[in-house]
Amino acid sequence: MPDHAPRQSIMSARQSTGFRMKIGKSVRIGARVDVTPVGLLAIGALVSAILLSVPPIIRAAAEVKSARHG
């Protein structure tokens, strides 16, 4: 018998996770994340861009500091 259930593209399949944490009697923290593979790629690109931009910023700040004191 053929399966007529709608199929999702692998790039649109949602992945989710969550957690709950209790600290003491009054503090409760929780989070839940739902993301698609395309969303994970976008997050990875943003994190990469941020990490790649840090060394030039630090280098520029060091040059300004040495120019002021030197």
Protein backbone atom coordinates (compact mmCIF):
# COMPACT_ATOMS: atom_id res chain seq x y z
CA MET A 1 0.00 0.00 0.00
CA PRO A 2 1.54 3.37 -0.98
CA ASP A 3 2.39 5.88 1.71
CA HIS A 4 0.50 9.12 1.02
CA ALA A 5 1.83 11.06 4.01
CA PRO A 6 3.33 14.42 3.06
CA ARG A 7 7.12 14.36 3.03
CA GLN A 8 9.23 17.15 4.42
CA SER A 9 12.37 18.31 2.73
CA ILE A 10 15.47 17.49 4.76
CA MET A 11 16.29 21.23 4.78
CA SER A 12 12.93 22.16 6.33
CA ALA A 13 12.76 19.44 8.99
CA ARG A 14 12.69 21.05 12.41
CA GLN A 15 15.04 20.03 15.19
CA SER A 16 14.30 21.00 18.76
CA THR A 17 15.77 20.72 22.20
CA GLY A 18 15.19 22.24 25.59
CA PHE A 19 16.21 22.17 29.21
CA ARG A 20 14.96 23.14 32.65
CA MET A 21 17.11 23.87 35.65
CA LYS A 22 16.17 24.50 39.25
CA ILE A 23 18.56 26.26 41.61
CA GLY A 24 17.49 26.19 45.20
CA LYS A 25 13.83 26.57 46.01
CA SER A 26 12.97 29.75 44.12
CA VAL A 27 15.08 29.95 40.96
CA ARG A 28 13.93 28.12 37.86
CA ILE A 29 15.47 28.55 34.42
CA GLY A 30 14.38 26.99 31.17
CA ALA A 31 14.90 27.34 27.45
CA ARG A 32 13.65 25.73 24.27
CA VAL A 33 15.06 25.99 20.75
CA ASP A 34 13.47 24.99 17.45
CA VAL A 35 15.66 25.33 14.37
CA THR A 36 15.89 24.01 10.81
CA PRO A 37 19.12 22.93 9.09
CA VAL A 38 19.07 26.17 7.09
CA GLY A 39 18.79 28.06 10.38
CA LEU A 40 21.80 26.17 11.73
CA LEU A 41 23.79 27.19 8.65
CA ALA A 42 22.80 30.82 9.18
CA ILE A 43 23.78 30.67 12.85
CA GLY A 44 27.13 29.10 11.90
CA ALA A 45 27.77 31.85 9.34
CA LEU A 46 27.00 34.58 11.89
CA VAL A 47 29.25 33.03 14.55
CA SER A 48 32.05 32.63 12.00
CA ALA A 49 31.73 36.25 10.92
CA ILE A 50 31.87 37.43 14.53
CA LEU A 51 34.90 35.29 15.35
CA LEU A 52 36.74 36.35 12.19
CA SER A 53 36.11 40.04 12.93
CA VAL A 54 37.59 39.98 16.45
CA PRO A 55 41.36 39.85 15.59
CA PRO A 56 41.27 42.90 13.25
CA ILE A 57 39.37 44.89 15.88
CA ILE A 58 41.92 43.98 18.56
CA ARG A 59 44.80 44.76 16.19
CA ALA A 60 43.32 48.17 15.35
CA ALA A 61 42.79 48.97 19.03
CA ALA A 62 46.40 48.03 19.80
CA GLU A 63 47.66 50.28 16.97
CA VAL A 64 45.64 53.22 18.29
CA LYS A 65 46.93 52.62 21.80
CA SER A 66 50.56 52.44 20.64
CA ALA A 67 50.13 55.59 18.49
CA ARG A 68 48.84 57.53 21.50
CA HIS A 69 51.68 56.41 23.77
CA GLY A 70 54.47 56.28 21.30
